[in-house]
C-alpha cells in the first residue's frame, strides 16, 4: 500500500472533472480479443490522453 506523508500539514481533495467510463465491446470471443489486443490498448491510451487534456 501507498503512504502519504507530507512534510507539512495539508489537505487532500478530490481532483476536479469526475470519473470517466469507457466501454469496449468485442464480438467474436477470446480469439478475436487476442487478435485485437494491441488495437484496443491503443484506443484506450488515446481515450485516456484525450480525457486528461480536458481536466
Protein backbone atom coordinates (compact mmCIF):
# COMPACT_ATOMS: atom_id res chain seq x y z
CA UNK A 1 0.00 0.00 0.00
CA UNK A 2 0.98 3.59 -0.55
CA UNK A 3 1.60 6.01 2.30
CA UNK A 4 1.17 9.76 2.00
CA UNK A 5 3.48 11.67 4.33
CA UNK A 6 3.53 15.41 3.62
CA UNK A 7 6.40 17.47 5.00
CA UNK A 8 3.87 19.94 6.44
CA UNK A 9 0.20 19.82 7.39
CA UNK A 10 -2.12 19.98 4.44
CA UNK A 11 -5.28 18.87 2.82
CA UNK A 12 -6.09 16.21 0.25
CA UNK A 13 -9.02 16.99 -2.01
CA UNK A 14 -10.70 15.36 -4.98
CA UNK A 15 -9.47 16.06 -8.49
CA UNK A 16 -12.00 18.07 -10.45
CA UNK A 17 -13.60 16.55 -13.50
CA UNK A 18 -15.18 13.42 -12.07
CA UNK A 19 -14.82 9.90 -13.35
CA UNK A 20 -14.61 8.57 -16.86
CA UNK A 21 -16.34 5.46 -18.17
CA UNK A 22 -15.03 3.69 -21.26
CA UNK A 23 -17.00 0.75 -22.64
CA UNK A 24 -15.37 -1.69 -25.07
CA UNK A 25 -17.47 -4.28 -26.90
CA UNK A 26 -15.67 -7.16 -28.61
CA UNK A 27 -17.58 -9.66 -30.75
CA UNK A 28 -16.08 -12.99 -31.70
CA UNK A 29 -14.92 -14.42 -28.39
CA UNK A 30 -11.46 -14.84 -26.93
CA UNK A 31 -9.57 -15.39 -30.23
CA UNK A 32 -10.86 -12.08 -31.62
CA UNK A 33 -9.98 -10.32 -28.37
CA UNK A 34 -6.41 -11.65 -28.51
CA UNK A 35 -6.02 -10.57 -32.14
CA UNK A 36 -7.34 -7.09 -31.29
CA UNK A 37 -5.37 -6.61 -28.07
CA UNK A 38 -2.86 -4.07 -29.46
CA UNK A 39 -5.57 -2.05 -31.19
CA UNK A 40 -7.73 -1.98 -28.06
CA UNK A 41 -4.77 -0.89 -25.92
CA UNK A 42 -4.00 1.92 -28.38
CA UNK A 43 -7.64 3.07 -28.38
CA UNK A 44 -7.75 3.11 -24.57
CA UNK A 45 -4.46 5.02 -24.34
CA UNK A 46 -5.81 7.63 -26.76
CA UNK A 47 -9.07 7.96 -24.81
CA UNK A 48 -7.16 8.45 -21.55
CA UNK A 49 -4.88 11.02 -23.17
CA UNK A 50 -7.81 12.99 -24.58
CA UNK A 51 -9.59 12.84 -21.22
CA UNK A 52 -6.50 14.09 -19.37
CA UNK A 53 -6.29 17.14 -21.64
CA UNK A 54 -9.85 18.13 -20.73
CA UNK A 55 -9.15 18.22 -16.97
